[in-house]
């Protein structure tokens, strides 16, 4: 799902390799108008995807920072500030 400036990526039914590949492809496709990639990894089925997203993309060159919201099944990868 694409909102204004936000791309939502649902990976909660994928394994770690599939999720990484899909997130990487979405990061490559992100345009300058995209400031946030919202990764929906779920949390009822375990924490492997959540931990992979939060550790792998912490130092990614396109990711400015990671935001953890109130929903434990989502992690936002902030690509740029929205001013």
C-alpha atoms as a PDB file:
ATOM      1  CA  UNK A   1       0.000   0.000   0.000  1.00  0.00           C
ATOM      2  CA  UNK A   2       1.334   3.436  -0.903  1.00  0.00           C
ATOM      3  CA  UNK A   3       0.310   6.557   0.968  1.00  0.00           C
ATOM      4  CA  UNK A   4       1.667  10.022   0.378  1.00  0.00           C
ATOM      5  CA  UNK A   5       5.356   9.666   1.181  1.00  0.00           C
ATOM      6  CA  UNK A   6       4.929   6.286   2.918  1.00  0.00           C
ATOM      7  CA  UNK A   7       5.358   2.832   1.407  1.00  0.00           C
ATOM      8  CA  UNK A   8       3.890  -0.035   3.420  1.00  0.00           C
ATOM      9  CA  UNK A   9       5.627  -3.368   2.978  1.00  0.00           C
ATOM     10  CA  UNK A  10       3.895  -6.454   4.401  1.00  0.00           C
ATOM     11  CA  UNK A  11       6.394  -9.251   5.041  1.00  0.00           C
ATOM     12  CA  UNK A  12       4.821 -11.125   7.938  1.00  0.00           C
ATOM     13  CA  UNK A  13       4.110 -14.303   5.942  1.00  0.00           C
ATOM     14  CA  UNK A  14       7.646 -14.454   4.494  1.00  0.00           C
ATOM     15  CA  UNK A  15      10.845 -16.057   5.694  1.00  0.00           C
ATOM     16  CA  UNK A  16      13.849 -13.839   6.472  1.00  0.00           C
ATOM     17  CA  UNK A  17      15.441 -14.191   3.038  1.00  0.00           C
ATOM     18  CA  UNK A  18      12.208 -13.338   1.198  1.00  0.00           C
ATOM     19  CA  UNK A  19      11.545 -10.397   3.509  1.00  0.00           C
ATOM     20  CA  UNK A  20      15.072  -9.014   3.087  1.00  0.00           C
ATOM     21  CA  UNK A  21      14.867  -9.316  -0.695  1.00  0.00           C
ATOM     22  CA  UNK A  22      11.481  -7.598  -0.820  1.00  0.00           C
ATOM     23  CA  UNK A  23      12.481  -4.771   1.547  1.00  0.00           C
ATOM     24  CA  UNK A  24      15.714  -4.208  -0.391  1.00  0.00           C
ATOM     25  CA  UNK A  25      13.772  -3.958  -3.654  1.00  0.00           C
ATOM     26  CA  UNK A  26      11.373  -1.427  -2.127  1.00  0.00           C
ATOM     27  CA  UNK A  27      14.280   0.647  -0.816  1.00  0.00           C
ATOM     28  CA  UNK A  28      15.758   0.711  -4.323  1.00  0.00           C
ATOM     29  CA  UNK A  29      12.418   1.772  -5.825  1.00  0.00           C
ATOM     30  CA  UNK A  30      11.790   4.508  -3.248  1.00  0.00           C
ATOM     31  CA  UNK A  31      11.575   7.916  -4.890  1.00  0.00           C
ATOM     32  CA  UNK A  32      12.577  11.257  -3.441  1.00  0.00           C
ATOM     33  CA  UNK A  33       8.978  11.843  -2.367  1.00  0.00           C
ATOM     34  CA  UNK A  34       9.106   8.725  -0.164  1.00  0.00           C
ATOM     35  CA  UNK A  35      10.244   9.564   3.325  1.00  0.00           C
ATOM     36  CA  UNK A  36       9.243   6.405   5.180  1.00  0.00           C
ATOM     37  CA  UNK A  37       9.102   2.667   4.532  1.00  0.00           C
ATOM     38  CA  UNK A  38       6.662   1.028   6.966  1.00  0.00           C
ATOM     39  CA  UNK A  39       7.547  -2.650   7.375  1.00  0.00           C
ATOM     40  CA  UNK A  40       4.692  -4.811   8.662  1.00  0.00           C
ATOM     41  CA  UNK A  41       6.394  -7.895  10.088  1.00  0.00           C
ATOM     42  CA  UNK A  42       3.819  -9.031  12.630  1.00  0.00           C
ATOM     43  CA  UNK A  43       4.597 -10.240  16.117  1.00  0.00           C
ATOM     44  CA  UNK A  44       2.315 -13.165  16.970  1.00  0.00           C
ATOM     45  CA  UNK A  45       4.369 -15.628  14.933  1.00  0.00           C
ATOM     46  CA  UNK A  46       7.665 -14.816  16.653  1.00  0.00           C
ATOM     47  CA  UNK A  47      10.235 -12.061  16.565  1.00  0.00           C
ATOM     48  CA  UNK A  48      12.722 -13.231  13.928  1.00  0.00           C
ATOM     49  CA  UNK A  49      11.452 -10.898  11.208  1.00  0.00           C
ATOM     50  CA  UNK A  50      11.200  -7.962  13.612  1.00  0.00           C
ATOM     51  CA  UNK A  51      14.758  -8.473  14.849  1.00  0.00           C
ATOM     52  CA  UNK A  52      16.074  -8.927  11.303  1.00  0.00           C
ATOM     53  CA  UNK A  53      14.478  -5.650  10.180  1.00  0.00           C
ATOM     54  CA  UNK A  54      15.641  -3.702  13.221  1.00  0.00           C
ATOM     55  CA  UNK A  55      19.240  -4.939  13.075  1.00  0.00           C
ATOM     56  CA  UNK A  56      19.868  -5.253   9.334  1.00  0.00           C
ATOM     57  CA  UNK A  57      18.518  -1.846   8.376  1.00  0.00           C
ATOM     58  CA  UNK A  58      19.924   0.086  11.350  1.00  0.00           C
ATOM     59  CA  UNK A  59      23.101   0.901   9.382  1.00  0.00           C
ATOM     60  CA  UNK A  60      21.678   0.773   5.851  1.00  0.00           C
ATOM     61  CA  UNK A  61      22.907   3.726   3.740  1.00  0.00           C
ATOM     62  CA  UNK A  62      19.373   4.762   2.717  1.00  0.00           C
ATOM     63  CA  UNK A  63      17.901   4.554   6.224  1.00  0.00           C
ATOM     64  CA  UNK A  64      18.274   7.653   8.360  1.00  0.00           C
ATOM     65  CA  UNK A  65      16.840   6.000  11.470  1.00  0.00           C
ATOM     66  CA  UNK A  66      14.425   3.331  12.677  1.00  0.00           C
ATOM     67  CA  UNK A  67      11.231   4.252  14.512  1.00  0.00           C
ATOM     68  CA  UNK A  68       9.340   1.795  16.653  1.00  0.00           C
ATOM     69  CA  UNK A  69       5.728   2.793  17.096  1.00  0.00           C
ATOM     70  CA  UNK A  70       2.917   1.711  19.381  1.00  0.00           C
ATOM     71  CA  UNK A  71       2.125  -1.279  17.136  1.00  0.00           C
ATOM     72  CA  UNK A  72       4.675  -4.023  17.926  1.00  0.00           C
ATOM     73  CA  UNK A  73       4.058  -5.597  14.506  1.00  0.00           C
ATOM     74  CA  UNK A  74       5.440  -2.609  12.569  1.00  0.00           C
ATOM     75  CA  UNK A  75       8.788  -0.917  12.193  1.00  0.00           C
ATOM     76  CA  UNK A  76       9.286   2.325  10.266  1.00  0.00           C
ATOM     77  CA  UNK A  77      12.472   2.868   8.290  1.00  0.00           C
ATOM     78  CA  UNK A  78      12.838   6.652   8.020  1.00  0.00           C
ATOM     79  CA  UNK A  79      14.547   7.561   4.757  1.00  0.00           C
ATOM     80  CA  UNK A  80      14.443  11.357   5.141  1.00  0.00           C
ATOM     81  CA  UNK A  81      12.916  13.982   7.349  1.00  0.00           C
ATOM     82  CA  UNK A  82       9.542  15.408   6.440  1.00  0.00           C
ATOM     83  CA  UNK A  83       9.757  19.167   6.930  1.00  0.00           C
END
